[in-house]
Amino acid sequence: MLHKIASGMIETKHIVTPIRAFCNRSRFYCANVENIDLEKKHVLIRSSSTPTDESKTDLKMNTKSLPYDYVVIALGSETKFFGLG
């Protein structure tokens, strides 16, 4: 399919599904996993929020403990379009 995207026969948005749309009955958190407590079944996540002070340079780090029934550990990826698209 890469050659079809490169030649303009098909758009990238037609073959890429956002995870929020794909897993519409789930909550999606974009954060770093700090700790997984297997006994208590909790995952501690840390995410950054928008700057809170006047200087707009410091990011406030938010931590949250999430309970789970099942946890899936999967590797992520980052798409590089090399300035195209």
C-alpha atoms as a PDB file:
ATOM      1  CA  MET A   1       0.000   0.000   0.000  1.00  0.00           C
ATOM      2  CA  LEU A   2       2.964   2.319   0.440  1.00  0.00           C
ATOM      3  CA  HIS A   3       3.337   2.812  -3.305  1.00  0.00           C
ATOM      4  CA  LYS A   4      -0.359   3.722  -3.590  1.00  0.00           C
ATOM      5  CA  ILE A   5       0.035   6.363  -0.887  1.00  0.00           C
ATOM      6  CA  ALA A   6       3.211   7.726  -2.484  1.00  0.00           C
ATOM      7  CA  SER A   7       1.582   7.967  -5.894  1.00  0.00           C
ATOM      8  CA  GLY A   8      -1.561   9.583  -4.510  1.00  0.00           C
ATOM      9  CA  MET A   9      -3.908   6.731  -5.456  1.00  0.00           C
ATOM     10  CA  ILE A  10      -5.010   6.314  -1.825  1.00  0.00           C
ATOM     11  CA  GLU A  11      -4.858   8.684   1.132  1.00  0.00           C
ATOM     12  CA  THR A  12      -3.125   7.775   4.389  1.00  0.00           C
ATOM     13  CA  LYS A  13      -6.312   8.421   6.380  1.00  0.00           C
ATOM     14  CA  HIS A  14      -8.040   5.567   4.541  1.00  0.00           C
ATOM     15  CA  ILE A  15      -5.675   2.910   5.906  1.00  0.00           C
ATOM     16  CA  VAL A  16      -4.953   4.309   9.382  1.00  0.00           C
ATOM     17  CA  THR A  17      -7.469   3.877  12.217  1.00  0.00           C
ATOM     18  CA  PRO A  18      -7.091   6.058  15.326  1.00  0.00           C
ATOM     19  CA  ILE A  19      -6.948   3.949  18.491  1.00  0.00           C
ATOM     20  CA  ARG A  20      -9.671   6.062  20.116  1.00  0.00           C
ATOM     21  CA  ALA A  21     -12.089   5.140  17.316  1.00  0.00           C
ATOM     22  CA  PHE A  22     -10.979   1.514  17.210  1.00  0.00           C
ATOM     23  CA  CYS A  23     -11.425   0.957  20.964  1.00  0.00           C
ATOM     24  CA  ASN A  24     -14.484   3.131  21.439  1.00  0.00           C
ATOM     25  CA  ARG A  25     -15.672   1.352  24.628  1.00  0.00           C
ATOM     26  CA  SER A  26     -12.335   1.911  26.385  1.00  0.00           C
ATOM     27  CA  ARG A  27     -10.657   4.870  28.038  1.00  0.00           C
ATOM     28  CA  PHE A  28      -7.469   6.003  26.388  1.00  0.00           C
ATOM     29  CA  TYR A  29      -4.601   7.512  28.411  1.00  0.00           C
ATOM     30  CA  CYS A  30      -1.489   8.889  26.762  1.00  0.00           C
ATOM     31  CA  ALA A  31       1.019   8.652  29.615  1.00  0.00           C
ATOM     32  CA  ASN A  32       4.140   6.970  30.891  1.00  0.00           C
ATOM     33  CA  VAL A  33       3.738   3.879  33.057  1.00  0.00           C
ATOM     34  CA  GLU A  34       5.603   4.423  36.315  1.00  0.00           C
ATOM     35  CA  ASN A  35       4.666   1.217  38.145  1.00  0.00           C
ATOM     36  CA  ILE A  36       2.486  -1.882  37.788  1.00  0.00           C
ATOM     37  CA  ASP A  37       1.306  -3.457  41.049  1.00  0.00           C
ATOM     38  CA  LEU A  38       0.357  -7.002  40.077  1.00  0.00           C
ATOM     39  CA  GLU A  39      -0.951  -7.939  43.524  1.00  0.00           C
ATOM     40  CA  LYS A  40      -3.260  -4.938  43.950  1.00  0.00           C
ATOM     41  CA  LYS A  41      -4.038  -4.743  40.197  1.00  0.00           C
ATOM     42  CA  HIS A  42      -3.183  -1.061  39.832  1.00  0.00           C
ATOM     43  CA  VAL A  43      -1.129   0.793  37.238  1.00  0.00           C
ATOM     44  CA  LEU A  44       0.499   4.095  38.173  1.00  0.00           C
ATOM     45  CA  ILE A  45       0.717   6.449  35.188  1.00  0.00           C
ATOM     46  CA  ARG A  46       2.327   9.875  34.817  1.00  0.00           C
ATOM     47  CA  SER A  47       1.380  12.404  32.182  1.00  0.00           C
ATOM     48  CA  SER A  48       2.287  16.019  31.585  1.00  0.00           C
ATOM     49  CA  SER A  49      -0.306  18.758  31.426  1.00  0.00           C
ATOM     50  CA  THR A  50      -0.219  22.284  30.107  1.00  0.00           C
ATOM     51  CA  PRO A  51       1.955  24.855  31.872  1.00  0.00           C
ATOM     52  CA  THR A  52       0.289  26.252  34.985  1.00  0.00           C
ATOM     53  CA  ASP A  53       2.277  29.422  35.661  1.00  0.00           C
ATOM     54  CA  GLU A  54       2.748  32.722  33.848  1.00  0.00           C
ATOM     55  CA  SER A  55       6.126  31.781  32.339  1.00  0.00           C
ATOM     56  CA  LYS A  56       4.631  28.893  30.355  1.00  0.00           C
ATOM     57  CA  THR A  57       7.824  26.872  30.789  1.00  0.00           C
ATOM     58  CA  ASP A  58       7.100  24.396  33.583  1.00  0.00           C
ATOM     59  CA  LEU A  59       4.946  21.379  32.932  1.00  0.00           C
ATOM     60  CA  LYS A  60       2.875  20.016  35.788  1.00  0.00           C
ATOM     61  CA  MET A  61       3.275  16.257  36.086  1.00  0.00           C
ATOM     62  CA  ASN A  62       0.064  14.426  36.918  1.00  0.00           C
ATOM     63  CA  THR A  63       0.072  10.933  38.407  1.00  0.00           C
ATOM     64  CA  LYS A  64      -2.924   8.665  38.540  1.00  0.00           C
ATOM     65  CA  SER A  65      -3.485   5.138  39.812  1.00  0.00           C
ATOM     66  CA  LEU A  66      -5.731   3.067  37.569  1.00  0.00           C
ATOM     67  CA  PRO A  67      -7.330  -0.219  38.649  1.00  0.00           C
ATOM     68  CA  TYR A  68      -7.479  -2.993  36.065  1.00  0.00           C
ATOM     69  CA  ASP A  69      -8.932  -6.434  35.482  1.00  0.00           C
ATOM     70  CA  TYR A  70      -6.500  -7.321  32.710  1.00  0.00           C
ATOM     71  CA  VAL A  71      -3.374  -5.483  31.670  1.00  0.00           C
ATOM     72  CA  VAL A  72      -1.871  -5.745  28.189  1.00  0.00           C
ATOM     73  CA  ILE A  73       1.720  -4.665  27.751  1.00  0.00           C
ATOM     74  CA  ALA A  74       2.457  -3.785  24.132  1.00  0.00           C
ATOM     75  CA  LEU A  75       5.161  -1.889  22.309  1.00  0.00           C
ATOM     76  CA  GLY A  76       4.215   1.329  20.604  1.00  0.00           C
ATOM     77  CA  SER A  77       5.485   2.861  17.433  1.00  0.00           C
ATOM     78  CA  GLU A  78       5.968   6.288  15.948  1.00  0.00           C
ATOM     79  CA  THR A  79       5.187   6.928  12.308  1.00  0.00           C
ATOM     80  CA  LYS A  80       7.669   8.993  10.341  1.00  0.00           C
ATOM     81  CA  PHE A  81       6.279  10.685   7.245  1.00  0.00           C
ATOM     82  CA  PHE A  82       9.574  12.487   6.505  1.00  0.00           C
ATOM     83  CA  GLY A  83       7.760  15.795   5.993  1.00  0.00           C
ATOM     84  CA  LEU A  84       5.097  14.342   3.698  1.00  0.00           C
ATOM     85  CA  GLY A  85       1.421  14.553   4.562  1.00  0.00           C
END
